[in-house]
Amino acid sequence: MNQLIIGDLSSWSARAWICLKLADLPFDELMLRLVPNTIMHMPDYSDSSLVPVLKVGKVKIHDSLAIAEYVNELVQGRLLPEDAMQRAQARSLVAEMHSGFMALRTECPFKLSDWKIPKPSERLSFEVQRLERLWGEAQTPFYWGKPTMVDAFYAPMAYRLHCYGQHFTGQAGAYQTQLIEWELFQAILQKMRLWSVN
């Protein structure tokens, strides 16, 4: 049985979890509480001392993007659109989420409840506007009509913005709401809430 090692308040863990569920692949979960001393014990589970990690036999696949791409291969590409150009766009969007939006991550840490909006930096304002433009191009209920890894990667960000009082309008708002209300995201969100109090 595959094992997914995740963190209790890790949005990146949520992305990997959603991808595995989206692909309908069986796996066990091992949740680690991400407190300051966790890193002392992380090498037991993760060679990089980061989560998420997918253990497949003796192999450890770390990083949410690597996990998503591995899972996508297992299910013959079902986690990406069928059209070649849309696939390229999807990978671009996932890569941007994976390596970008640093001001949002720094100034608006992932939380499970409402928080006051910080005084936004110029970079933060740019990133929020960037997301609004991207999501304004989305179809509904998902970016390309059916759920893909793009939706898995952007769902935690939709919720993060919601927690900081950022609610888009129009098509961007409809997509943001859909991601937050998505059954798979709600399922991992509920698990995170339970883990955070136990």
C-alpha atoms as a PDB file:
ATOM      1  CA  MET A   1       0.000   0.000   0.000  1.00  0.00           C
ATOM      2  CA  ASN A   2       1.258   3.482  -0.857  1.00  0.00           C
ATOM      3  CA  GLN A   3       1.743   5.831   2.083  1.00  0.00           C
ATOM      4  CA  LEU A   4       1.354   9.611   1.917  1.00  0.00           C
ATOM      5  CA  ILE A   5       3.218  11.477   4.648  1.00  0.00           C
ATOM      6  CA  ILE A   6       1.642  14.863   5.225  1.00  0.00           C
ATOM      7  CA  GLY A   7       1.738  17.810   7.623  1.00  0.00           C
ATOM      8  CA  ASP A   8      -1.175  18.974   9.750  1.00  0.00           C
ATOM      9  CA  LEU A   9      -1.170  22.549   8.417  1.00  0.00           C
ATOM     10  CA  SER A  10       0.592  22.010   5.102  1.00  0.00           C
ATOM     11  CA  SER A  11      -1.198  23.347   2.042  1.00  0.00           C
ATOM     12  CA  TRP A  12       1.313  21.433  -0.107  1.00  0.00           C
ATOM     13  CA  SER A  13       0.285  18.210   1.608  1.00  0.00           C
ATOM     14  CA  ALA A  14      -3.335  19.035   0.802  1.00  0.00           C
ATOM     15  CA  ARG A  15      -2.450  19.371  -2.888  1.00  0.00           C
ATOM     16  CA  ALA A  16      -0.807  15.942  -3.022  1.00  0.00           C
ATOM     17  CA  TRP A  17      -3.689  14.380  -1.083  1.00  0.00           C
ATOM     18  CA  ILE A  18      -6.249  15.814  -3.511  1.00  0.00           C
ATOM     19  CA  CYS A  19      -4.275  14.535  -6.522  1.00  0.00           C
ATOM     20  CA  LEU A  20      -4.199  11.007  -5.116  1.00  0.00           C
ATOM     21  CA  LYS A  21      -7.919  11.127  -4.387  1.00  0.00           C
ATOM     22  CA  LEU A  22      -8.644  12.621  -7.792  1.00  0.00           C
ATOM     23  CA  ALA A  23      -6.803   9.695  -9.376  1.00  0.00           C
ATOM     24  CA  ASP A  24      -8.742   7.259  -7.154  1.00  0.00           C
ATOM     25  CA  LEU A  25      -5.530   5.607  -5.963  1.00  0.00           C
ATOM     26  CA  PRO A  26      -5.505   3.781  -2.605  1.00  0.00           C
ATOM     27  CA  PHE A  27      -3.079   5.029   0.038  1.00  0.00           C
ATOM     28  CA  ASP A  28      -2.543   5.233   3.776  1.00  0.00           C
ATOM     29  CA  GLU A  29      -1.980   8.566   5.496  1.00  0.00           C
ATOM     30  CA  LEU A  30       0.625   9.448   8.069  1.00  0.00           C
ATOM     31  CA  MET A  31       0.142  12.911   9.517  1.00  0.00           C
ATOM     32  CA  LEU A  32       3.010  14.731  11.200  1.00  0.00           C
ATOM     33  CA  ARG A  33       2.369  17.711  13.448  1.00  0.00           C
ATOM     34  CA  LEU A  34       4.540  20.499  12.076  1.00  0.00           C
ATOM     35  CA  VAL A  35       5.910  21.972  15.280  1.00  0.00           C
ATOM     36  CA  PRO A  36       9.457  23.362  15.596  1.00  0.00           C
ATOM     37  CA  ASN A  37      11.045  20.088  16.696  1.00  0.00           C
ATOM     38  CA  THR A  38       9.387  18.025  13.959  1.00  0.00           C
ATOM     39  CA  ILE A  39      12.373  18.528  11.675  1.00  0.00           C
ATOM     40  CA  MET A  40      14.476  16.564  14.169  1.00  0.00           C
ATOM     41  CA  HIS A  41      12.454  13.464  13.336  1.00  0.00           C
ATOM     42  CA  MET A  42      11.609  14.175   9.707  1.00  0.00           C
ATOM     43  CA  PRO A  43      14.536  12.176   8.218  1.00  0.00           C
ATOM     44  CA  ASP A  44      12.764   9.055   9.507  1.00  0.00           C
ATOM     45  CA  TYR A  45      10.011   9.809   6.998  1.00  0.00           C
ATOM     46  CA  SER A  46      11.395  12.296   4.503  1.00  0.00           C
ATOM     47  CA  ASP A  47      14.977  12.501   3.263  1.00  0.00           C
ATOM     48  CA  SER A  48      14.410  16.181   2.439  1.00  0.00           C
ATOM     49  CA  SER A  49      12.841  16.884   5.866  1.00  0.00           C
ATOM     50  CA  LEU A  50       9.848  18.312   4.000  1.00  0.00           C
ATOM     51  CA  VAL A  51       6.281  17.151   3.396  1.00  0.00           C
ATOM     52  CA  PRO A  52       4.487  15.764   1.495  1.00  0.00           C
ATOM     53  CA  VAL A  53       6.222  12.488   0.724  1.00  0.00           C
ATOM     54  CA  LEU A  54       4.694   9.551  -1.123  1.00  0.00           C
ATOM     55  CA  LYS A  55       6.229   6.211  -0.199  1.00  0.00           C
ATOM     56  CA  VAL A  56       5.887   3.602  -2.937  1.00  0.00           C
ATOM     57  CA  GLY A  57       7.555   0.479  -1.649  1.00  0.00           C
ATOM     58  CA  LYS A  58      11.083   1.504  -0.749  1.00  0.00           C
ATOM     59  CA  VAL A  59      10.965   4.632  -2.921  1.00  0.00           C
ATOM     60  CA  LYS A  60      10.176   8.048  -1.416  1.00  0.00           C
ATOM     61  CA  ILE A  61       8.769  10.640  -3.818  1.00  0.00           C
ATOM     62  CA  HIS A  62       8.969  14.055  -2.219  1.00  0.00           C
ATOM     63  CA  ASP A  63       7.518  17.381  -3.360  1.00  0.00           C
ATOM     64  CA  SER A  64       3.879  17.910  -4.308  1.00  0.00           C
ATOM     65  CA  LEU A  65       4.608  18.564  -7.981  1.00  0.00           C
ATOM     66  CA  ALA A  66       6.673  15.383  -8.355  1.00  0.00           C
ATOM     67  CA  ILE A  67       3.907  13.425  -6.632  1.00  0.00           C
ATOM     68  CA  ALA A  68       1.244  14.953  -8.895  1.00  0.00           C
ATOM     69  CA  GLU A  69       3.207  14.142 -12.049  1.00  0.00           C
ATOM     70  CA  TYR A  70       3.881  10.584 -10.866  1.00  0.00           C
ATOM     71  CA  VAL A  71       0.209  10.040 -10.099  1.00  0.00           C
ATOM     72  CA  ASN A  72      -0.752  11.556 -13.448  1.00  0.00           C
ATOM     73  CA  GLU A  73       1.430   8.997 -15.232  1.00  0.00           C
ATOM     74  CA  LEU A  74      -0.169   6.139 -13.274  1.00  0.00           C
ATOM     75  CA  VAL A  75      -3.633   7.129 -14.497  1.00  0.00           C
ATOM     76  CA  GLN A  76      -2.650   7.698 -18.128  1.00  0.00           C
ATOM     77  CA  GLY A  77      -2.692  11.483 -17.932  1.00  0.00           C
ATOM     78  CA  ARG A  78      -6.138  11.927 -16.390  1.00  0.00           C
ATOM     79  CA  LEU A  79      -4.948  14.692 -14.053  1.00  0.00           C
ATOM     80  CA  LEU A  80      -4.300  17.002 -17.013  1.00  0.00           C
ATOM     81  CA  PRO A  81      -6.506  18.103 -19.935  1.00  0.00           C
ATOM     82  CA  GLU A  82      -6.593  15.926 -23.045  1.00  0.00           C
ATOM     83  CA  ASP A  83      -5.853  18.795 -25.438  1.00  0.00           C
ATOM     84  CA  ALA A  84      -2.104  19.341 -25.937  1.00  0.00           C
ATOM     85  CA  MET A  85      -2.238  23.136 -25.654  1.00  0.00           C
ATOM     86  CA  GLN A  86      -4.447  22.998 -22.590  1.00  0.00           C
ATOM     87  CA  ARG A  87      -2.051  20.461 -21.085  1.00  0.00           C
ATOM     88  CA  ALA A  88       0.837  22.861 -21.644  1.00  0.00           C
ATOM     89  CA  GLN A  89      -1.170  25.691 -20.076  1.00  0.00           C
ATOM     90  CA  ALA A  90      -2.097  23.476 -17.138  1.00  0.00           C
ATOM     91  CA  ARG A  91       1.510  22.581 -16.462  1.00  0.00           C
ATOM     92  CA  SER A  92       2.403  26.270 -16.665  1.00  0.00           C
ATOM     93  CA  LEU A  93      -0.291  27.175 -14.125  1.00  0.00           C
ATOM     94  CA  VAL A  94       0.767  24.388 -11.769  1.00  0.00           C
ATOM     95  CA  ALA A  95       4.426  25.400 -12.059  1.00  0.00           C
ATOM     96  CA  GLU A  96       3.539  29.021 -11.299  1.00  0.00           C
ATOM     97  CA  MET A  97       1.649  27.962  -8.186  1.00  0.00           C
ATOM     98  CA  HIS A  98       4.499  25.664  -7.196  1.00  0.00           C
ATOM     99  CA  SER A  99       7.303  28.201  -7.496  1.00  0.00           C
ATOM    100  CA  GLY A 100       5.544  31.566  -7.394  1.00  0.00           C
ATOM    101  CA  PHE A 101       3.283  33.712  -5.199  1.00  0.00           C
ATOM    102  CA  MET A 102       6.030  34.118  -2.621  1.00  0.00           C
ATOM    103  CA  ALA A 103       4.572  37.310  -1.133  1.00  0.00           C
ATOM    104  CA  LEU A 104       1.251  35.574  -0.512  1.00  0.00           C
ATOM    105  CA  ARG A 105       3.008  32.700   1.206  1.00  0.00           C
ATOM    106  CA  THR A 106       5.151  35.013   3.335  1.00  0.00           C
ATOM    107  CA  GLU A 107       2.625  37.699   4.216  1.00  0.00           C
ATOM    108  CA  CYS A 108      -0.467  35.481   4.408  1.00  0.00           C
ATOM    109  CA  PRO A 109       0.510  32.147   5.985  1.00  0.00           C
ATOM    110  CA  PHE A 110      -1.930  29.294   5.530  1.00  0.00           C
ATOM    111  CA  LYS A 111      -4.511  29.300   8.355  1.00  0.00           C
ATOM    112  CA  LEU A 112      -7.693  27.397   9.145  1.00  0.00           C
ATOM    113  CA  SER A 113      -9.702  30.412  10.284  1.00  0.00           C
ATOM    114  CA  ASP A 114     -10.259  34.055   9.409  1.00  0.00           C
ATOM    115  CA  TRP A 115      -7.351  36.428   9.931  1.00  0.00           C
ATOM    116  CA  LYS A 116      -6.925  40.154   9.561  1.00  0.00           C
ATOM    117  CA  ILE A 117      -5.656  41.312   6.195  1.00  0.00           C
ATOM    118  CA  PRO A 118      -2.073  42.501   6.641  1.00  0.00           C
ATOM    119  CA  LYS A 119      -0.968  45.756   5.146  1.00  0.00           C
ATOM    120  CA  PRO A 120      -0.270  44.445   1.650  1.00  0.00           C
ATOM    121  CA  SER A 121       3.063  45.017   0.029  1.00  0.00           C
ATOM    122  CA  GLU A 122       3.178  46.063  -3.595  1.00  0.00           C
ATOM    123  CA  ARG A 123       4.232  42.524  -4.498  1.00  0.00           C
ATOM    124  CA  LEU A 124       1.346  40.991  -2.559  1.00  0.00           C
ATOM    125  CA  SER A 125      -1.158  43.232  -4.337  1.00  0.00           C
ATOM    126  CA  PHE A 126       0.346  42.225  -7.685  1.00  0.00           C
ATOM    127  CA  GLU A 127       0.049  38.515  -6.855  1.00  0.00           C
ATOM    128  CA  VAL A 128      -3.586  38.846  -5.767  1.00  0.00           C
ATOM    129  CA  GLN A 129      -4.373  40.682  -9.007  1.00  0.00           C
ATOM    130  CA  ARG A 130      -2.530  37.986 -10.939  1.00  0.00           C
ATOM    131  CA  LEU A 131      -4.704  35.289  -9.373  1.00  0.00           C
ATOM    132  CA  GLU A 132      -7.847  37.252 -10.119  1.00  0.00           C
ATOM    133  CA  ARG A 133      -6.850  37.478 -13.793  1.00  0.00           C
ATOM    134  CA  LEU A 134      -5.983  33.780 -13.972  1.00  0.00           C
ATOM    135  CA  TRP A 135      -9.168  32.671 -12.292  1.00  0.00           C
ATOM    136  CA  GLY A 136     -11.200  35.025 -14.440  1.00  0.00           C
ATOM    137  CA  GLU A 137     -10.229  32.781 -17.373  1.00  0.00           C
ATOM    138  CA  ALA A 138     -11.387  29.590 -15.652  1.00  0.00           C
ATOM    139  CA  GLN A 139     -14.386  27.590 -16.667  1.00  0.00           C
ATOM    140  CA  THR A 140     -16.715  26.328 -13.981  1.00  0.00           C
ATOM    141  CA  PRO A 141     -17.005  24.202 -12.046  1.00  0.00           C
ATOM    142  CA  PHE A 142     -13.288  23.561 -12.741  1.00  0.00           C
ATOM    143  CA  TYR A 143     -10.590  25.328 -14.722  1.00  0.00           C
ATOM    144  CA  TRP A 144     -11.174  23.196 -17.820  1.00  0.00           C
ATOM    145  CA  GLY A 145     -14.614  21.935 -16.887  1.00  0.00           C
ATOM    146  CA  LYS A 146     -13.396  18.700 -15.309  1.00  0.00           C
ATOM    147  CA  PRO A 147     -11.090  18.568 -12.260  1.00  0.00           C
ATOM    148  CA  THR A 148      -7.347  18.449 -12.947  1.00  0.00           C
ATOM    149  CA  MET A 149      -4.182  18.963 -10.947  1.00  0.00           C
ATOM    150  CA  VAL A 150      -4.581  22.702 -11.627  1.00  0.00           C
ATOM    151  CA  ASP A 151      -7.655  22.738  -9.397  1.00  0.00           C
ATOM    152  CA  ALA A 152      -5.866  20.611  -6.803  1.00  0.00           C
ATOM    153  CA  PHE A 153      -2.997  23.096  -6.684  1.00  0.00           C
ATOM    154  CA  TYR A 154      -5.137  26.241  -6.558  1.00  0.00           C
ATOM    155  CA  ALA A 155      -7.814  25.084  -4.086  1.00  0.00           C
ATOM    156  CA  PRO A 156      -5.699  25.768  -0.958  1.00  0.00           C
ATOM    157  CA  MET A 157      -4.870  29.227  -2.322  1.00  0.00           C
ATOM    158  CA  ALA A 158      -8.560  29.961  -2.895  1.00  0.00           C
ATOM    159  CA  TYR A 159      -9.220  29.101   0.732  1.00  0.00           C
ATOM    160  CA  ARG A 160      -6.182  31.050   1.949  1.00  0.00           C
ATOM    161  CA  LEU A 161      -7.450  34.197   0.229  1.00  0.00           C
ATOM    162  CA  HIS A 162     -10.909  33.581   1.687  1.00  0.00           C
ATOM    163  CA  CYS A 163      -9.458  33.393   5.201  1.00  0.00           C
ATOM    164  CA  TYR A 164      -7.765  36.760   4.672  1.00  0.00           C
ATOM    165  CA  GLY A 165     -11.000  38.348   3.475  1.00  0.00           C
ATOM    166  CA  GLN A 166     -10.185  38.349  -0.241  1.00  0.00           C
ATOM    167  CA  HIS A 167     -13.296  37.346  -2.161  1.00  0.00           C
ATOM    168  CA  PHE A 168     -13.171  37.796  -5.901  1.00  0.00           C
ATOM    169  CA  THR A 169     -16.240  38.659  -7.966  1.00  0.00           C
ATOM    170  CA  GLY A 170     -17.408  37.592 -11.411  1.00  0.00           C
ATOM    171  CA  GLN A 171     -15.890  34.510 -13.003  1.00  0.00           C
ATOM    172  CA  ALA A 172     -12.842  34.622 -10.720  1.00  0.00           C
ATOM    173  CA  GLY A 173     -15.145  34.641  -7.712  1.00  0.00           C
ATOM    174  CA  ALA A 174     -17.216  31.775  -9.050  1.00  0.00           C
ATOM    175  CA  TYR A 175     -14.080  29.698  -9.531  1.00  0.00           C
ATOM    176  CA  GLN A 176     -12.735  30.621  -6.091  1.00  0.00           C
ATOM    177  CA  THR A 177     -16.017  29.578  -4.481  1.00  0.00           C
ATOM    178  CA  GLN A 178     -16.105  26.323  -6.429  1.00  0.00           C
ATOM    179  CA  LEU A 179     -12.597  25.406  -5.279  1.00  0.00           C
ATOM    180  CA  ILE A 180     -13.438  26.127  -1.648  1.00  0.00           C
ATOM    181  CA  GLU A 181     -16.662  24.116  -1.826  1.00  0.00           C
ATOM    182  CA  TRP A 182     -15.097  21.265  -3.826  1.00  0.00           C
ATOM    183  CA  GLU A 183     -15.839  17.977  -2.073  1.00  0.00           C
ATOM    184  CA  LEU A 184     -12.213  16.814  -2.165  1.00  0.00           C
ATOM    185  CA  PHE A 185     -10.890  20.079  -0.750  1.00  0.00           C
ATOM    186  CA  GLN A 186     -13.528  20.125   1.976  1.00  0.00           C
ATOM    187  CA  ALA A 187     -12.546  16.561   2.902  1.00  0.00           C
ATOM    188  CA  ILE A 188      -8.863  17.382   3.408  1.00  0.00           C
ATOM    189  CA  LEU A 189      -9.784  20.658   5.122  1.00  0.00           C
ATOM    190  CA  GLN A 190     -11.872  18.768   7.674  1.00  0.00           C
ATOM    191  CA  LYS A 191      -8.986  16.369   8.288  1.00  0.00           C
ATOM    192  CA  MET A 192      -6.632  19.304   8.834  1.00  0.00           C
ATOM    193  CA  ARG A 193      -9.031  20.846  11.323  1.00  0.00           C
ATOM    194  CA  LEU A 194      -9.254  17.606  13.265  1.00  0.00           C
ATOM    195  CA  TRP A 195      -5.502  17.115  13.229  1.00  0.00           C
ATOM    196  CA  SER A 196      -4.884  20.675  14.435  1.00  0.00           C
ATOM    197  CA  VAL A 197      -6.881  20.148  17.638  1.00  0.00           C
ATOM    198  CA  ASN A 198      -5.786  16.587  18.484  1.00  0.00           C
END
